[in-house]
Amino acid sequence: MKLRQRLGSANTVVVKIGTKVLIDREGSIARDVFERLARSVAALREQGRRVLLVSSGAVGLGARSLGVSPTLVGICAAAGQSALTSCYHQQFSRLKIPIAQVLLTEDDFRNESRRRKLFHTLENLLQLGVLPILNENDVVTCSQESASSSRLFSDNDMLASLIARDMSADLLVILTDVDGIFDSHPDTLGASVMPEIRSLISFAGKGKIHEFGRGGIEAKLRAALHATELRRLLAVIANGKTPNVLEKIVEGYPIGTLIAAGEME
């Protein structure tokens, strides 16, 4: 409970929104979810918090609009990125919140000059009251080596972790289509959400990390733990379709799974 109470003091918040939150089962934009999340982000900003979004969804939107397989990542991203940004612009313009699209590659983190430029650009956007919306530039980064272990990030979950680190965030929120990290496969009878996780090593040692099932939840857990170990921030993995999800998280409601470094109290 002490850690949950600390969420209310988070000043800089990085929110990662997954594809399955924003796109329905038919591949169309979940406009009601977009609207609720936009209002939730606006609520955090009205509280004086700095918010950055990392958003997936471009590939899924592009696949639907072109009628091709989402495995054609670069092509789908090229077609879907403008549609995704348009959705965000439509929702946030109603709330009088300006947005800025930022597409990133590994070079933006590996090259120190580019990393500093990225940091200063994001800081300036926040100072101007602009909401940065970040995404991996899949048009130029997708390749056979995308899953290489030498990569800094190969998904938006780890990208969000890196942004949280470099922006000295206090809280990383990863929104997906399940209620958090379950103690067994979510479809298993009696499965329940784990309220808190402290250590990947002890957790993985039980073999559970491979049992989570759908939604790429393993990648989300690894990204959250990566951020908490590097930055000593707090992270929460929660269901992005929950009404007022961001407000509830910072208010300390027991939703989702809280991730923290082992020694934090």
Protein backbone atom coordinates (compact mmCIF):
# COMPACT_ATOMS: atom_id res chain seq x y z
CA MET A 1 0.00 0.00 0.00
CA LYS A 2 2.89 2.37 0.68
CA LEU A 3 4.04 2.09 -2.93
CA ARG A 4 0.51 2.63 -4.24
CA GLN A 5 0.29 5.80 -2.18
CA ARG A 6 3.51 7.06 -3.78
CA LEU A 7 1.88 7.00 -7.22
CA GLY A 8 0.01 10.17 -6.37
CA SER A 9 3.25 12.15 -6.22
CA ALA A 10 4.36 11.17 -9.73
CA ASN A 11 5.25 14.29 -11.69
CA THR A 12 6.43 12.88 -15.03
CA VAL A 13 4.36 10.00 -16.36
CA VAL A 14 5.07 7.90 -19.45
CA VAL A 15 2.00 6.04 -20.74
CA LYS A 16 2.35 3.25 -23.28
CA ILE A 17 -0.86 2.22 -25.06
CA GLY A 18 -1.02 -1.14 -26.80
CA THR A 19 -2.58 -2.00 -30.14
CA LYS A 20 -5.28 -4.20 -28.62
CA VAL A 21 -6.45 -1.27 -26.51
CA LEU A 22 -6.93 1.04 -29.46
CA ILE A 23 -8.17 -1.37 -32.14
CA ASP A 24 -11.17 -3.64 -31.83
CA ARG A 25 -11.42 -7.28 -32.92
CA GLU A 26 -12.52 -6.27 -36.43
CA GLY A 27 -9.43 -4.13 -36.85
CA SER A 28 -11.30 -0.84 -36.62
CA ILE A 29 -10.43 2.08 -34.37
CA ALA A 30 -12.00 1.79 -30.92
CA ARG A 31 -13.12 5.41 -30.85
CA ASP A 32 -14.81 5.16 -27.46
CA VAL A 33 -11.55 3.91 -25.94
CA PHE A 34 -9.60 6.69 -27.67
CA GLU A 35 -11.98 9.24 -26.19
CA ARG A 36 -11.80 7.83 -22.65
CA LEU A 37 -8.00 7.64 -22.71
CA ALA A 38 -7.71 11.18 -24.05
CA ARG A 39 -9.82 12.44 -21.17
CA SER A 40 -7.78 10.38 -18.73
CA VAL A 41 -4.54 11.92 -20.04
CA ALA A 42 -6.13 15.38 -19.87
CA ALA A 43 -7.04 14.75 -16.23
CA LEU A 44 -3.41 14.00 -15.35
CA ARG A 45 -2.27 17.16 -17.12
CA GLU A 46 -4.88 19.22 -15.27
CA GLN A 47 -3.34 17.91 -12.04
CA GLY A 48 -0.05 19.46 -13.15
CA ARG A 49 1.64 16.25 -14.27
CA ARG A 50 3.90 15.98 -17.33
CA VAL A 51 2.64 13.23 -19.64
CA LEU A 52 4.28 11.51 -22.61
CA LEU A 53 2.50 8.86 -24.70
CA VAL A 54 4.09 5.91 -26.46
CA SER A 55 1.50 4.46 -28.78
CA SER A 56 1.24 1.30 -30.84
CA GLY A 57 -1.54 0.76 -33.37
CA ALA A 58 -0.13 2.08 -36.65
CA VAL A 59 0.66 -1.37 -38.05
CA GLY A 60 -2.80 -2.71 -37.22
CA LEU A 61 -4.53 0.28 -38.80
CA GLY A 62 -2.36 0.09 -41.88
CA ALA A 63 -3.02 -3.63 -42.31
CA ARG A 64 -6.76 -3.04 -42.27
CA SER A 65 -6.70 -0.07 -44.63
CA LEU A 66 -4.50 -1.86 -47.18
CA GLY A 67 -6.07 -5.28 -46.75
CA VAL A 68 -2.69 -6.94 -46.23
CA SER A 69 -1.08 -9.03 -43.52
CA PRO A 70 0.27 -7.12 -40.50
CA THR A 71 3.48 -9.12 -40.95
CA LEU A 72 4.32 -6.56 -43.66
CA VAL A 73 5.31 -4.28 -40.82
CA GLY A 74 7.06 -1.47 -42.71
CA ILE A 75 4.32 -1.14 -45.32
CA CYS A 76 1.53 -1.26 -42.75
CA ALA A 77 3.27 1.27 -40.51
CA ALA A 78 3.69 3.68 -43.42
CA ALA A 79 -0.02 3.48 -44.19
CA GLY A 80 -1.26 3.47 -40.61
CA GLN A 81 0.87 6.08 -38.88
CA SER A 82 -0.99 9.07 -40.31
CA ALA A 83 -4.34 7.47 -39.44
CA LEU A 84 -3.21 6.87 -35.86
CA THR A 85 -1.94 10.43 -35.46
CA SER A 86 -5.18 11.76 -36.95
CA CYS A 87 -7.18 9.89 -34.31
CA TYR A 88 -5.10 11.37 -31.53
CA HIS A 89 -5.31 14.85 -33.05
CA GLN A 90 -9.09 14.58 -33.29
CA GLN A 91 -9.51 13.51 -29.67
CA PHE A 92 -7.01 15.88 -28.09
CA SER A 93 -8.02 18.91 -30.16
CA ARG A 94 -11.45 18.65 -28.55
CA LEU A 95 -9.70 18.98 -25.21
CA LYS A 96 -7.54 21.85 -26.51
CA ILE A 97 -4.36 19.82 -26.09
CA PRO A 98 -1.78 20.18 -28.89
CA ILE A 99 0.10 17.02 -29.85
CA ALA A 100 3.40 16.27 -31.55
CA GLN A 101 4.34 13.05 -33.33
CA VAL A 102 7.84 11.70 -32.65
CA LEU A 103 9.09 8.61 -34.54
CA LEU A 104 12.22 6.99 -33.16
CA THR A 105 14.94 4.49 -34.02
CA GLU A 106 17.72 2.91 -31.98
CA ASP A 107 20.19 5.49 -33.28
CA ASP A 108 18.27 8.13 -31.34
CA PHE A 109 19.42 6.40 -28.15
CA ARG A 110 22.79 4.94 -29.16
CA ASN A 111 24.14 8.20 -30.57
CA GLU A 112 24.73 10.55 -27.63
CA SER A 113 24.25 13.70 -29.71
CA ARG A 114 20.91 12.50 -31.03
CA ARG A 115 19.87 11.30 -27.57
CA ARG A 116 20.52 14.75 -26.11
CA LYS A 117 18.62 16.37 -28.99
CA LEU A 118 15.67 14.06 -28.38
CA PHE A 119 15.70 14.86 -24.67
CA HIS A 120 15.77 18.62 -25.26
CA THR A 121 13.03 18.42 -27.89
CA LEU A 122 10.75 16.45 -25.58
CA GLU A 123 11.48 18.82 -22.70
CA ASN A 124 10.67 21.83 -24.86
CA LEU A 125 7.43 20.25 -26.05
CA LEU A 126 6.37 19.59 -22.46
CA GLN A 127 7.22 23.13 -21.42
CA LEU A 128 5.04 24.42 -24.25
CA GLY A 129 2.13 22.30 -23.06
CA VAL A 130 2.37 19.92 -26.03
CA LEU A 131 1.66 16.21 -25.60
CA PRO A 132 4.41 14.13 -27.29
CA ILE A 133 3.15 10.93 -28.91
CA LEU A 134 6.03 8.57 -29.64
CA ASN A 135 6.33 5.41 -31.70
CA GLU A 136 9.08 3.30 -33.20
CA ASN A 137 9.71 4.25 -36.83
CA ASP A 138 8.84 0.80 -38.17
CA VAL A 139 9.09 2.00 -41.76
CA VAL A 140 12.87 2.14 -41.49
CA THR A 141 13.62 -0.20 -38.57
CA CYS A 142 11.69 -3.35 -39.49
CA SER A 143 14.08 -6.06 -40.72
CA GLN A 144 15.07 -9.69 -40.28
CA GLU A 145 17.20 -8.59 -37.34
CA SER A 146 14.30 -6.95 -35.52
CA ALA A 147 14.27 -9.60 -32.79
CA SER A 148 18.04 -9.60 -32.25
CA SER A 149 19.07 -9.65 -28.61
CA SER A 150 21.60 -6.91 -29.35
CA ARG A 151 18.87 -4.39 -30.08
CA LEU A 152 18.04 -1.73 -27.53
CA PHE A 153 14.35 -2.16 -28.27
CA SER A 154 12.25 -4.15 -30.70
CA ASP A 155 8.82 -3.09 -29.44
CA ASN A 156 7.10 -0.04 -28.03
CA ASP A 157 7.10 -1.48 -24.50
CA MET A 158 10.88 -1.25 -24.27
CA LEU A 159 10.82 2.07 -26.12
CA ALA A 160 8.54 3.40 -23.37
CA SER A 161 11.00 2.08 -20.78
CA LEU A 162 13.87 3.96 -22.43
CA ILE A 163 11.83 7.16 -22.65
CA ALA A 164 10.92 6.83 -18.97
CA ARG A 165 14.61 6.44 -18.14
CA ASP A 166 15.87 9.35 -20.21
CA MET A 167 13.04 11.70 -19.17
CA SER A 168 13.56 10.86 -15.48
CA ALA A 169 9.96 9.74 -15.21
CA ASP A 170 8.40 8.87 -11.86
CA LEU A 171 5.82 6.49 -13.27
CA LEU A 172 5.56 4.21 -16.30
CA VAL A 173 2.08 2.95 -17.14
CA ILE A 174 1.74 0.15 -19.69
CA LEU A 175 -1.84 -0.25 -20.87
CA THR A 176 -2.90 -3.53 -22.45
CA ASP A 177 -6.11 -5.55 -22.95
CA VAL A 178 -5.84 -7.59 -19.74
CA ASP A 179 -6.15 -6.47 -16.13
CA GLY A 180 -2.49 -6.97 -15.23
CA ILE A 181 -0.02 -9.80 -14.71
CA PHE A 182 -1.86 -13.00 -13.77
CA ASP A 183 -0.50 -15.73 -11.54
CA SER A 184 -1.35 -18.23 -14.31
CA HIS A 185 -2.87 -18.04 -17.80
CA PRO A 186 -5.79 -15.54 -17.64
CA ASP A 187 -8.19 -18.19 -18.99
CA THR A 188 -7.32 -20.65 -16.22
CA LEU A 189 -9.99 -21.17 -13.59
CA GLY A 190 -9.03 -19.29 -10.47
CA ALA A 191 -6.38 -17.13 -12.15
CA SER A 192 -5.97 -13.78 -10.45
CA VAL A 193 -4.05 -10.56 -11.02
CA MET A 194 -0.81 -10.26 -9.07
CA PRO A 195 -1.01 -6.94 -7.21
CA GLU A 196 2.77 -6.44 -7.08
CA ILE A 197 5.99 -7.80 -8.60
CA ARG A 198 9.47 -6.90 -7.38
CA SER A 199 12.00 -9.18 -9.11
CA LEU A 200 12.24 -10.67 -12.59
CA ILE A 201 14.89 -13.15 -11.47
CA SER A 202 12.87 -14.72 -8.70
CA PHE A 203 9.71 -14.57 -10.77
CA ALA A 204 11.22 -16.11 -13.89
CA GLY A 205 12.86 -18.77 -11.76
CA LYS A 206 9.44 -20.22 -11.09
CA GLY A 207 8.82 -20.53 -14.81
CA LYS A 208 5.75 -18.32 -14.62
CA ILE A 209 6.95 -15.69 -17.06
CA HIS A 210 6.21 -18.07 -19.95
CA GLU A 211 2.67 -18.80 -18.81
CA PHE A 212 1.04 -15.41 -19.12
CA GLY A 213 -0.61 -16.12 -22.46
CA ARG A 214 -1.86 -13.40 -24.73
CA GLY A 215 -1.00 -9.79 -25.45
CA GLY A 216 2.78 -9.97 -25.36
CA ILE A 217 2.59 -9.62 -21.58
CA GLU A 218 6.09 -11.02 -21.12
CA ALA A 219 7.54 -8.10 -23.10
CA LYS A 220 5.53 -5.67 -21.00
CA LEU A 221 6.76 -7.16 -17.75
CA ARG A 222 10.38 -7.11 -18.91
CA ALA A 223 10.06 -3.49 -20.04
CA ALA A 224 8.50 -2.44 -16.75
CA LEU A 225 11.19 -4.20 -14.71
CA HIS A 226 13.89 -2.73 -16.97
CA ALA A 227 12.62 0.77 -16.20
CA THR A 228 12.28 0.21 -12.47
CA GLU A 229 15.78 -1.22 -12.14
CA LEU A 230 17.43 1.56 -14.18
CA ARG A 231 15.53 4.54 -12.89
CA ARG A 232 14.00 3.33 -9.59
CA LEU A 233 10.64 4.56 -10.80
CA LEU A 234 7.32 2.78 -10.32
CA ALA A 235 5.48 1.00 -13.12
CA VAL A 236 1.93 -0.29 -13.48
CA ILE A 237 0.59 -2.74 -16.06
CA ALA A 238 -3.17 -2.36 -16.35
CA ASN A 239 -6.18 -2.68 -18.64
CA GLY A 240 -6.42 0.36 -20.92
CA LYS A 241 -10.15 -0.17 -21.36
CA THR A 242 -10.85 0.50 -17.70
CA PRO A 243 -12.72 3.82 -17.35
CA ASN A 244 -10.58 6.59 -15.80
CA VAL A 245 -7.69 4.16 -15.66
CA LEU A 246 -4.91 6.75 -15.32
CA GLU A 247 -6.70 8.74 -12.63
CA LYS A 248 -7.34 5.57 -10.65
CA ILE A 249 -3.70 4.54 -10.87
CA VAL A 250 -2.33 7.83 -9.54
CA GLU A 251 -5.02 7.87 -6.86
CA GLY A 252 -3.67 4.57 -5.54
CA TYR A 253 -6.57 2.31 -6.49
CA PRO A 254 -5.56 -1.39 -6.42
CA ILE A 255 -5.87 -1.95 -10.15
CA GLY A 256 -3.35 -3.62 -12.43
CA THR A 257 0.02 -4.95 -11.31
CA LEU A 258 2.48 -2.61 -9.64
CA ILE A 259 6.13 -3.16 -10.60
CA ALA A 260 8.94 -1.87 -8.41
CA ALA A 261 12.62 -2.50 -7.76
CA GLY A 262 13.20 -5.04 -5.02
CA GLU A 263 14.63 -2.63 -2.48
CA MET A 264 11.99 0.11 -2.83
CA GLU A 265 9.71 0.70 0.12
